[in-house]
Amino acid sequence: MDSAVDYWAAADLLKWQVEMGADEAILDAPLDRYALEPPAPAAEKPARVDAPAAKDKKGTPPPIPDVLKVDPAAIAARRAASAKSLEELAATMEAFEHCDLRHGARNFIFAEGMPSARVMILGDAPKRDDDVKGQLFVGPVGVLFDRMFEAIGLRRDSELSAEALYVTTLLPWRTPSDRTPSADEVEMMLPFVKKHISLVAPDVLVLFGGVTCQTFLGQGGMARKRGRWAEIEGRPALPMFHPMQVMGDPDKKRDTWADLLSLKSKLRELQ
C-alpha cells in the first residue's frame, strides 16, 4: 500500500496542526533525543590558595570592603560644605542623586519666605497639597499655620525681617502617601539642613512635629518636648506641635497658643 500523502490530505493535516497550536517548524526530520550523549560534567576549578580566608569558621562571607560602600550622608556633607549661598545649596540639593524620594515627588520644595527673617520654621517633609502646588503649608493646614503666627504678628509673606517667617523642611521632597520619613532619609539630608540653618542664621528656630524634634533633640514624646526651649546649631529652638497635629486634636490648641506666646517673648528678649 502506497503510504504517500497526497497534496489535499497534507494540506488538511497542516491545517489541523495549526488549529491545535503548532505554529512553528523546528526541524525537517525527527530527532531522537534519547540517543544524545549526556553532557560531560564541568571540570572543577582549582581551589584558590587564599580560599580559606574568604570565609570565617562559621562560613560567613567577608564584609564588603569600605571602599565599595556608598555613604550618602558623607557625600551630602561634602556637597553641603561647598555651597556658599542659598541658591547654590538649593541647586546642590535638587541634584542630589542618592535620595530616591526625588523620583516620586512632583516638585522639589526648598523653602519659602524671607531669608533674613528672624524666625526659621523647620518641618519634616512636604505633604500632598504642598507637592501639588510646589509650596509649603498650603490648603487647610496652611490656613491654620498662617493664623497661628499672624496672632503674634508674624507672616511668611512679610517684607520686614522683624515680622517675616522663613519656612523649610528636613526633606525637600514629599514621601510616598505622606508616610513618616525614614531615619536613613533624614540622616542623608541632615547635612543640607544644617547648612541651610547656617546660611539663613535666624535668631530663633521653631521645630514642627515629632520627626523634626527627634532628629535634633533625640528620643522622647512630643508632648514632653513641646514648649521647652533648647539650643540647636547654636541658636534657641522651640519645639511645637505641627499644625496638622493641632487640626487632628483641638485640645492641642491651648498648648500651641502658649508656645506662640513663648516665641513672641523670646523674640523681644533677643532684640
C-alpha atoms as a PDB file:
ATOM      1  CA  MET A   1       0.000   0.000   0.000  1.00  0.00           C
ATOM      2  CA  ASP A   2       1.359   3.360  -1.002  1.00  0.00           C
ATOM      3  CA  SER A   3       1.873   5.429   2.202  1.00  0.00           C
ATOM      4  CA  ALA A   4       2.429   8.693   0.344  1.00  0.00           C
ATOM      5  CA  VAL A   5       0.062  11.515   1.354  1.00  0.00           C
ATOM      6  CA  ASP A   6      -1.467  13.462  -1.499  1.00  0.00           C
ATOM      7  CA  TYR A   7      -1.487  17.257  -1.609  1.00  0.00           C
ATOM      8  CA  TRP A   8      -5.009  17.787  -0.231  1.00  0.00           C
ATOM      9  CA  ALA A   9      -4.524  15.316   2.629  1.00  0.00           C
ATOM     10  CA  ALA A  10      -1.256  17.008   3.556  1.00  0.00           C
ATOM     11  CA  ALA A  11      -2.966  20.418   3.493  1.00  0.00           C
ATOM     12  CA  ASP A  12      -5.727  19.139   5.782  1.00  0.00           C
ATOM     13  CA  LEU A  13      -3.139  17.718   8.202  1.00  0.00           C
ATOM     14  CA  LEU A  14      -1.254  21.018   8.251  1.00  0.00           C
ATOM     15  CA  LYS A  15      -4.457  22.955   8.905  1.00  0.00           C
ATOM     16  CA  TRP A  16      -5.300  20.614  11.784  1.00  0.00           C
ATOM     17  CA  GLN A  17      -1.848  21.093  13.350  1.00  0.00           C
ATOM     18  CA  VAL A  18      -2.209  24.877  13.149  1.00  0.00           C
ATOM     19  CA  GLU A  19      -5.619  24.708  14.833  1.00  0.00           C
ATOM     20  CA  MET A  20      -4.055  22.586  17.595  1.00  0.00           C
ATOM     21  CA  GLY A  21      -1.463  25.300  18.249  1.00  0.00           C
ATOM     22  CA  ALA A  22       1.548  24.053  16.309  1.00  0.00           C
ATOM     23  CA  ASP A  23       2.713  27.273  14.684  1.00  0.00           C
ATOM     24  CA  GLU A  24       6.453  26.707  14.265  1.00  0.00           C
ATOM     25  CA  ALA A  25       8.506  24.062  12.482  1.00  0.00           C
ATOM     26  CA  ILE A  26      11.598  23.224  14.477  1.00  0.00           C
ATOM     27  CA  LEU A  27      13.314  20.538  12.352  1.00  0.00           C
ATOM     28  CA  ASP A  28      12.633  18.920   8.999  1.00  0.00           C
ATOM     29  CA  ALA A  29      13.281  15.427  10.374  1.00  0.00           C
ATOM     30  CA  PRO A  30      12.537  13.628  13.672  1.00  0.00           C
ATOM     31  CA  LEU A  31      15.182  13.862  16.405  1.00  0.00           C
ATOM     32  CA  ASP A  32      15.742  11.044  18.855  1.00  0.00           C
ATOM     33  CA  ARG A  33      16.763  12.976  21.933  1.00  0.00           C
ATOM     34  CA  TYR A  34      17.358   9.784  23.885  1.00  0.00           C
ATOM     35  CA  ALA A  35      20.209   8.992  21.528  1.00  0.00           C
ATOM     36  CA  LEU A  36      22.169  12.082  22.594  1.00  0.00           C
ATOM     37  CA  GLU A  37      25.116  11.548  24.843  1.00  0.00           C
ATOM     38  CA  PRO A  38      24.783  13.234  28.258  1.00  0.00           C
ATOM     39  CA  PRO A  39      26.919  16.346  28.601  1.00  0.00           C
ATOM     40  CA  ALA A  40      30.276  15.860  30.201  1.00  0.00           C
ATOM     41  CA  PRO A  41      30.478  17.154  33.796  1.00  0.00           C
ATOM     42  CA  ALA A  42      32.098  20.539  34.131  1.00  0.00           C
ATOM     43  CA  ALA A  43      35.663  20.408  35.250  1.00  0.00           C
ATOM     44  CA  GLU A  44      36.141  21.583  38.783  1.00  0.00           C
ATOM     45  CA  LYS A  45      38.072  24.779  39.120  1.00  0.00           C
ATOM     46  CA  PRO A  46      41.225  24.511  41.201  1.00  0.00           C
ATOM     47  CA  ALA A  47      40.833  25.976  44.621  1.00  0.00           C
ATOM     48  CA  ARG A  48      42.442  29.349  45.231  1.00  0.00           C
ATOM     49  CA  VAL A  49      45.320  29.389  47.629  1.00  0.00           C
ATOM     50  CA  ASP A  50      43.608  32.106  49.684  1.00  0.00           C
ATOM     51  CA  ALA A  51      40.171  30.444  49.648  1.00  0.00           C
ATOM     52  CA  PRO A  52      40.167  29.640  53.399  1.00  0.00           C
ATOM     53  CA  ALA A  53      40.469  33.360  54.153  1.00  0.00           C
ATOM     54  CA  ALA A  54      37.313  34.150  52.170  1.00  0.00           C
ATOM     55  CA  LYS A  55      35.057  32.896  54.958  1.00  0.00           C
ATOM     56  CA  ASP A  56      35.312  32.639  58.679  1.00  0.00           C
ATOM     57  CA  LYS A  57      34.916  29.436  60.671  1.00  0.00           C
ATOM     58  CA  LYS A  58      31.101  29.700  60.515  1.00  0.00           C
ATOM     59  CA  GLY A  59      31.080  30.123  56.749  1.00  0.00           C
ATOM     60  CA  THR A  60      30.081  33.805  56.878  1.00  0.00           C
ATOM     61  CA  PRO A  61      31.111  35.793  53.788  1.00  0.00           C
ATOM     62  CA  PRO A  62      33.661  38.526  54.437  1.00  0.00           C
ATOM     63  CA  PRO A  63      32.356  42.072  54.909  1.00  0.00           C
ATOM     64  CA  ILE A  64      32.155  44.369  51.923  1.00  0.00           C
ATOM     65  CA  PRO A  65      35.311  46.485  51.740  1.00  0.00           C
ATOM     66  CA  ASP A  66      34.765  50.059  52.867  1.00  0.00           C
ATOM     67  CA  VAL A  67      35.972  51.332  49.502  1.00  0.00           C
ATOM     68  CA  LEU A  68      32.906  49.744  47.856  1.00  0.00           C
ATOM     69  CA  LYS A  69      30.347  51.205  50.264  1.00  0.00           C
ATOM     70  CA  VAL A  70      28.454  54.420  49.497  1.00  0.00           C
ATOM     71  CA  ASP A  71      27.707  56.733  52.415  1.00  0.00           C
ATOM     72  CA  PRO A  72      25.031  59.208  51.233  1.00  0.00           C
ATOM     73  CA  ALA A  73      25.333  61.279  54.420  1.00  0.00           C
ATOM     74  CA  ALA A  74      29.086  61.714  53.922  1.00  0.00           C
ATOM     75  CA  ILE A  75      28.554  62.710  50.292  1.00  0.00           C
ATOM     76  CA  ALA A  76      25.841  65.152  51.355  1.00  0.00           C
ATOM     77  CA  ALA A  77      28.155  66.657  53.974  1.00  0.00           C
ATOM     78  CA  ARG A  78      30.861  67.335  51.393  1.00  0.00           C
ATOM     79  CA  ARG A  79      28.464  68.868  48.923  1.00  0.00           C
ATOM     80  CA  ALA A  80      26.680  70.965  51.541  1.00  0.00           C
ATOM     81  CA  ALA A  81      30.009  72.348  52.755  1.00  0.00           C
ATOM     82  CA  SER A  82      30.804  73.566  49.242  1.00  0.00           C
ATOM     83  CA  ALA A  83      27.588  75.637  48.973  1.00  0.00           C
ATOM     84  CA  LYS A  84      28.311  79.320  49.585  1.00  0.00           C
ATOM     85  CA  SER A  85      24.772  80.661  49.151  1.00  0.00           C
ATOM     86  CA  LEU A  86      21.152  79.565  49.408  1.00  0.00           C
ATOM     87  CA  GLU A  87      20.971  79.399  45.618  1.00  0.00           C
ATOM     88  CA  GLU A  88      23.962  77.050  45.467  1.00  0.00           C
ATOM     89  CA  LEU A  89      22.560  74.953  48.295  1.00  0.00           C
ATOM     90  CA  ALA A  90      19.183  74.604  46.566  1.00  0.00           C
ATOM     91  CA  ALA A  91      20.825  73.562  43.286  1.00  0.00           C
ATOM     92  CA  THR A  92      23.052  71.042  45.084  1.00  0.00           C
ATOM     93  CA  MET A  93      20.132  69.507  46.966  1.00  0.00           C
ATOM     94  CA  GLU A  94      17.936  69.241  43.885  1.00  0.00           C
ATOM     95  CA  ALA A  95      20.726  67.418  42.027  1.00  0.00           C
ATOM     96  CA  PHE A  96      21.475  65.041  44.938  1.00  0.00           C
ATOM     97  CA  GLU A  97      21.071  61.623  43.346  1.00  0.00           C
ATOM     98  CA  HIS A  98      21.128  59.413  46.461  1.00  0.00           C
ATOM     99  CA  CYS A  99      17.636  60.250  47.775  1.00  0.00           C
ATOM    100  CA  ASP A 100      15.048  58.157  45.905  1.00  0.00           C
ATOM    101  CA  LEU A 101      12.204  60.433  47.027  1.00  0.00           C
ATOM    102  CA  ARG A 102      13.128  62.763  44.166  1.00  0.00           C
ATOM    103  CA  HIS A 103      11.784  60.199  41.676  1.00  0.00           C
ATOM    104  CA  GLY A 104       8.301  60.016  43.196  1.00  0.00           C
ATOM    105  CA  ALA A 105       7.606  63.648  44.086  1.00  0.00           C
ATOM    106  CA  ARG A 106       6.220  66.218  41.679  1.00  0.00           C
ATOM    107  CA  ASN A 107       8.190  69.150  42.995  1.00  0.00           C
ATOM    108  CA  PHE A 108      11.433  69.919  44.761  1.00  0.00           C
ATOM    109  CA  ILE A 109      10.494  72.389  47.516  1.00  0.00           C
ATOM    110  CA  PHE A 110      13.453  74.183  49.032  1.00  0.00           C
ATOM    111  CA  ALA A 111      11.916  76.914  51.210  1.00  0.00           C
ATOM    112  CA  GLU A 112       9.711  79.980  51.178  1.00  0.00           C
ATOM    113  CA  GLY A 113       9.635  83.329  52.917  1.00  0.00           C
ATOM    114  CA  MET A 114      12.305  85.919  53.581  1.00  0.00           C
ATOM    115  CA  PRO A 115      15.810  84.517  54.237  1.00  0.00           C
ATOM    116  CA  SER A 116      16.553  87.462  56.528  1.00  0.00           C
ATOM    117  CA  ALA A 117      13.590  86.620  58.789  1.00  0.00           C
ATOM    118  CA  ARG A 118      14.299  86.316  62.495  1.00  0.00           C
ATOM    119  CA  VAL A 119      12.267  83.087  62.751  1.00  0.00           C
ATOM    120  CA  MET A 120      13.011  79.926  60.768  1.00  0.00           C
ATOM    121  CA  ILE A 121      10.321  77.226  60.765  1.00  0.00           C
ATOM    122  CA  LEU A 122      11.562  73.667  60.230  1.00  0.00           C
ATOM    123  CA  GLY A 123       9.061  70.893  59.442  1.00  0.00           C
ATOM    124  CA  ASP A 124       9.546  67.284  58.405  1.00  0.00           C
ATOM    125  CA  ALA A 125       8.569  66.973  54.705  1.00  0.00           C
ATOM    126  CA  PRO A 126       6.134  68.477  52.189  1.00  0.00           C
ATOM    127  CA  LYS A 127       2.662  66.957  52.172  1.00  0.00           C
ATOM    128  CA  ARG A 128       0.447  66.053  49.217  1.00  0.00           C
ATOM    129  CA  ASP A 129      -1.081  69.518  48.755  1.00  0.00           C
ATOM    130  CA  ASP A 130       2.350  71.100  49.101  1.00  0.00           C
ATOM    131  CA  ASP A 131       3.800  68.793  46.451  1.00  0.00           C
ATOM    132  CA  VAL A 132       0.978  69.524  44.014  1.00  0.00           C
ATOM    133  CA  LYS A 133       1.330  73.287  44.373  1.00  0.00           C
ATOM    134  CA  GLY A 134       5.081  73.416  44.893  1.00  0.00           C
ATOM    135  CA  GLN A 135       4.775  75.403  48.148  1.00  0.00           C
ATOM    136  CA  LEU A 136       4.906  74.579  51.841  1.00  0.00           C
ATOM    137  CA  PHE A 137       1.910  74.653  54.178  1.00  0.00           C
ATOM    138  CA  VAL A 138      -0.942  75.041  51.716  1.00  0.00           C
ATOM    139  CA  GLY A 139      -4.602  74.032  51.995  1.00  0.00           C
ATOM    140  CA  PRO A 140      -6.386  73.875  55.376  1.00  0.00           C
ATOM    141  CA  VAL A 141      -3.100  73.209  57.196  1.00  0.00           C
ATOM    142  CA  GLY A 142      -1.648  76.330  55.607  1.00  0.00           C
ATOM    143  CA  VAL A 143      -4.630  78.412  56.693  1.00  0.00           C
ATOM    144  CA  LEU A 144      -4.122  77.309  60.290  1.00  0.00           C
ATOM    145  CA  PHE A 145      -0.366  77.904  60.003  1.00  0.00           C
ATOM    146  CA  ASP A 146      -0.916  81.491  58.880  1.00  0.00           C
ATOM    147  CA  ARG A 147      -3.487  82.187  61.612  1.00  0.00           C
ATOM    148  CA  MET A 148      -1.191  80.815  64.292  1.00  0.00           C
ATOM    149  CA  PHE A 149       1.681  83.150  63.508  1.00  0.00           C
ATOM    150  CA  GLU A 150      -0.384  86.144  62.487  1.00  0.00           C
ATOM    151  CA  ALA A 151      -1.755  86.046  66.037  1.00  0.00           C
ATOM    152  CA  ILE A 152       1.699  87.093  67.287  1.00  0.00           C
ATOM    153  CA  GLY A 153       2.472  89.473  64.425  1.00  0.00           C
ATOM    154  CA  LEU A 154       4.456  87.175  62.105  1.00  0.00           C
ATOM    155  CA  ARG A 155       3.714  86.442  58.437  1.00  0.00           C
ATOM    156  CA  ARG A 156       5.583  84.425  55.853  1.00  0.00           C
ATOM    157  CA  ASP A 157       4.755  86.965  53.125  1.00  0.00           C
ATOM    158  CA  SER A 158       6.017  89.980  55.110  1.00  0.00           C
ATOM    159  CA  GLU A 159       8.797  92.069  53.582  1.00  0.00           C
ATOM    160  CA  LEU A 160      10.005  93.182  57.007  1.00  0.00           C
ATOM    161  CA  SER A 161      12.575  90.918  58.630  1.00  0.00           C
ATOM    162  CA  ALA A 162      11.186  91.577  62.099  1.00  0.00           C
ATOM    163  CA  GLU A 163       7.743  90.307  61.058  1.00  0.00           C
ATOM    164  CA  ALA A 164       8.721  87.687  58.484  1.00  0.00           C
ATOM    165  CA  LEU A 165       8.959  83.897  58.609  1.00  0.00           C
ATOM    166  CA  TYR A 166      11.315  81.632  56.708  1.00  0.00           C
ATOM    167  CA  VAL A 167       9.901  78.115  56.220  1.00  0.00           C
ATOM    168  CA  THR A 168      11.645  74.908  55.179  1.00  0.00           C
ATOM    169  CA  THR A 169      11.625  71.143  55.868  1.00  0.00           C
ATOM    170  CA  LEU A 170      14.042  68.309  56.632  1.00  0.00           C
ATOM    171  CA  LEU A 171      13.261  66.710  53.269  1.00  0.00           C
ATOM    172  CA  PRO A 172      12.627  68.791  50.143  1.00  0.00           C
ATOM    173  CA  TRP A 173      10.518  66.043  48.540  1.00  0.00           C
ATOM    174  CA  ARG A 174       7.219  64.523  49.583  1.00  0.00           C
ATOM    175  CA  THR A 175       7.295  60.969  50.927  1.00  0.00           C
ATOM    176  CA  PRO A 176       5.013  58.339  49.299  1.00  0.00           C
ATOM    177  CA  SER A 177       1.475  58.607  50.728  1.00  0.00           C
ATOM    178  CA  ASP A 178       2.819  61.200  53.199  1.00  0.00           C
ATOM    179  CA  ARG A 179       4.391  58.463  55.281  1.00  0.00           C
ATOM    180  CA  THR A 180       6.767  59.308  58.109  1.00  0.00           C
ATOM    181  CA  PRO A 181      10.287  59.990  56.781  1.00  0.00           C
ATOM    182  CA  SER A 182      12.680  57.129  57.492  1.00  0.00           C
ATOM    183  CA  ALA A 183      15.772  57.559  59.642  1.00  0.00           C
ATOM    184  CA  ASP A 184      18.016  56.911  56.614  1.00  0.00           C
ATOM    185  CA  GLU A 185      16.254  59.589  54.555  1.00  0.00           C
ATOM    186  CA  VAL A 186      16.607  62.156  57.313  1.00  0.00           C
ATOM    187  CA  GLU A 187      20.231  61.238  58.018  1.00  0.00           C
ATOM    188  CA  MET A 188      21.324  61.664  54.408  1.00  0.00           C
ATOM    189  CA  MET A 189      19.645  65.074  54.071  1.00  0.00           C
ATOM    190  CA  LEU A 190      20.618  66.407  57.515  1.00  0.00           C
ATOM    191  CA  PRO A 191      23.937  67.959  56.375  1.00  0.00           C
ATOM    192  CA  PHE A 192      21.978  70.084  53.896  1.00  0.00           C
ATOM    193  CA  VAL A 193      19.543  71.146  56.635  1.00  0.00           C
ATOM    194  CA  LYS A 194      22.353  72.208  58.954  1.00  0.00           C
ATOM    195  CA  LYS A 195      23.984  74.183  56.161  1.00  0.00           C
ATOM    196  CA  HIS A 196      20.606  75.765  55.442  1.00  0.00           C
ATOM    197  CA  ILE A 197      20.329  76.924  59.037  1.00  0.00           C
ATOM    198  CA  SER A 198      23.870  78.283  58.936  1.00  0.00           C
ATOM    199  CA  LEU A 199      23.245  80.301  55.768  1.00  0.00           C
ATOM    200  CA  VAL A 200      19.936  81.785  56.986  1.00  0.00           C
ATOM    201  CA  ALA A 201      21.284  82.411  60.509  1.00  0.00           C
ATOM    202  CA  PRO A 202      17.904  83.057  62.172  1.00  0.00           C
ATOM    203  CA  ASP A 203      17.510  84.396  65.678  1.00  0.00           C
ATOM    204  CA  VAL A 204      15.140  81.568  66.576  1.00  0.00           C
ATOM    205  CA  LEU A 205      14.293  78.115  65.225  1.00  0.00           C
ATOM    206  CA  VAL A 206      10.829  76.557  65.515  1.00  0.00           C
ATOM    207  CA  LEU A 207      10.787  72.753  65.247  1.00  0.00           C
ATOM    208  CA  PHE A 208       7.486  71.369  63.973  1.00  0.00           C
ATOM    209  CA  GLY A 209       6.406  67.824  64.769  1.00  0.00           C
ATOM    210  CA  GLY A 210       7.837  64.632  66.190  1.00  0.00           C
ATOM    211  CA  VAL A 211      10.280  63.695  63.415  1.00  0.00           C
ATOM    212  CA  THR A 212      11.980  67.091  63.391  1.00  0.00           C
ATOM    213  CA  CYS A 213      12.186  67.239  67.181  1.00  0.00           C
ATOM    214  CA  GLN A 214      13.514  63.682  67.402  1.00  0.00           C
ATOM    215  CA  THR A 215      16.164  64.481  64.793  1.00  0.00           C
ATOM    216  CA  PHE A 216      17.579  67.389  66.786  1.00  0.00           C
ATOM    217  CA  LEU A 217      16.540  66.593  70.346  1.00  0.00           C
ATOM    218  CA  GLY A 218      16.632  62.781  70.452  1.00  0.00           C
ATOM    219  CA  GLN A 219      14.018  60.316  71.626  1.00  0.00           C
ATOM    220  CA  GLY A 220      11.076  61.319  73.760  1.00  0.00           C
ATOM    221  CA  GLY A 221       7.404  62.083  73.425  1.00  0.00           C
ATOM    222  CA  MET A 222       6.357  65.242  71.631  1.00  0.00           C
ATOM    223  CA  ALA A 223       4.023  66.146  74.471  1.00  0.00           C
ATOM    224  CA  ARG A 224       7.021  66.410  76.820  1.00  0.00           C
ATOM    225  CA  LYS A 225       9.250  68.262  74.347  1.00  0.00           C
ATOM    226  CA  ARG A 226       6.918  70.978  73.132  1.00  0.00           C
ATOM    227  CA  GLY A 227       7.260  74.355  74.743  1.00  0.00           C
ATOM    228  CA  ARG A 228      10.704  73.620  76.192  1.00  0.00           C
ATOM    229  CA  TRP A 229      13.423  75.789  74.719  1.00  0.00           C
ATOM    230  CA  ALA A 230      16.576  74.060  73.536  1.00  0.00           C
ATOM    231  CA  GLU A 231      19.714  75.049  71.644  1.00  0.00           C
ATOM    232  CA  ILE A 232      20.108  73.794  68.075  1.00  0.00           C
ATOM    233  CA  GLU A 233      23.101  74.673  65.902  1.00  0.00           C
ATOM    234  CA  GLY A 234      23.982  77.428  68.371  1.00  0.00           C
ATOM    235  CA  ARG A 235      20.508  79.019  68.277  1.00  0.00           C
ATOM    236  CA  PRO A 236      17.471  78.880  70.591  1.00  0.00           C
ATOM    237  CA  ALA A 237      14.894  76.408  69.297  1.00  0.00           C
ATOM    238  CA  LEU A 238      11.275  75.908  70.320  1.00  0.00           C
ATOM    239  CA  PRO A 239       9.572  72.535  69.709  1.00  0.00           C
ATOM    240  CA  MET A 240       5.902  72.871  68.735  1.00  0.00           C
ATOM    241  CA  PHE A 241       3.059  70.667  67.570  1.00  0.00           C
ATOM    242  CA  HIS A 242       2.757  70.536  63.793  1.00  0.00           C
ATOM    243  CA  PRO A 243      -0.384  72.385  62.566  1.00  0.00           C
ATOM    244  CA  MET A 244      -1.633  69.049  61.209  1.00  0.00           C
ATOM    245  CA  GLN A 245      -1.458  67.631  64.731  1.00  0.00           C
ATOM    246  CA  VAL A 246      -3.405  70.620  66.045  1.00  0.00           C
ATOM    247  CA  MET A 247      -6.094  70.130  63.386  1.00  0.00           C
ATOM    248  CA  GLY A 248      -6.453  66.485  64.397  1.00  0.00           C
ATOM    249  CA  ASP A 249      -6.655  67.250  68.123  1.00  0.00           C
ATOM    250  CA  PRO A 250      -8.284  70.584  69.148  1.00  0.00           C
ATOM    251  CA  ASP A 251      -7.071  70.035  72.713  1.00  0.00           C
ATOM    252  CA  LYS A 252      -3.594  70.930  71.455  1.00  0.00           C
ATOM    253  CA  LYS A 253      -4.690  74.483  70.622  1.00  0.00           C
ATOM    254  CA  ARG A 254      -4.134  75.717  74.177  1.00  0.00           C
ATOM    255  CA  ASP A 255      -0.574  74.348  74.274  1.00  0.00           C
ATOM    256  CA  THR A 256       0.114  75.786  70.826  1.00  0.00           C
ATOM    257  CA  TRP A 257      -1.066  79.227  71.896  1.00  0.00           C
ATOM    258  CA  ALA A 258       1.194  79.058  74.957  1.00  0.00           C
ATOM    259  CA  ASP A 259       4.132  78.143  72.700  1.00  0.00           C
ATOM    260  CA  LEU A 260       3.394  81.044  70.359  1.00  0.00           C
ATOM    261  CA  LEU A 261       3.380  83.465  73.280  1.00  0.00           C
ATOM    262  CA  SER A 262       6.684  81.981  74.442  1.00  0.00           C
ATOM    263  CA  LEU A 263       8.104  82.573  70.961  1.00  0.00           C
ATOM    264  CA  LYS A 264       6.932  86.181  70.981  1.00  0.00           C
ATOM    265  CA  SER A 265       8.543  86.710  74.375  1.00  0.00           C
ATOM    266  CA  LYS A 266      11.844  85.173  73.222  1.00  0.00           C
ATOM    267  CA  LEU A 267      11.977  87.468  70.175  1.00  0.00           C
ATOM    268  CA  ARG A 268      11.520  90.521  72.418  1.00  0.00           C
ATOM    269  CA  GLU A 269      14.228  89.216  74.735  1.00  0.00           C
ATOM    270  CA  LEU A 270      16.692  88.833  71.825  1.00  0.00           C
ATOM    271  CA  GLN A 271      16.151  92.335  70.420  1.00  0.00           C
END
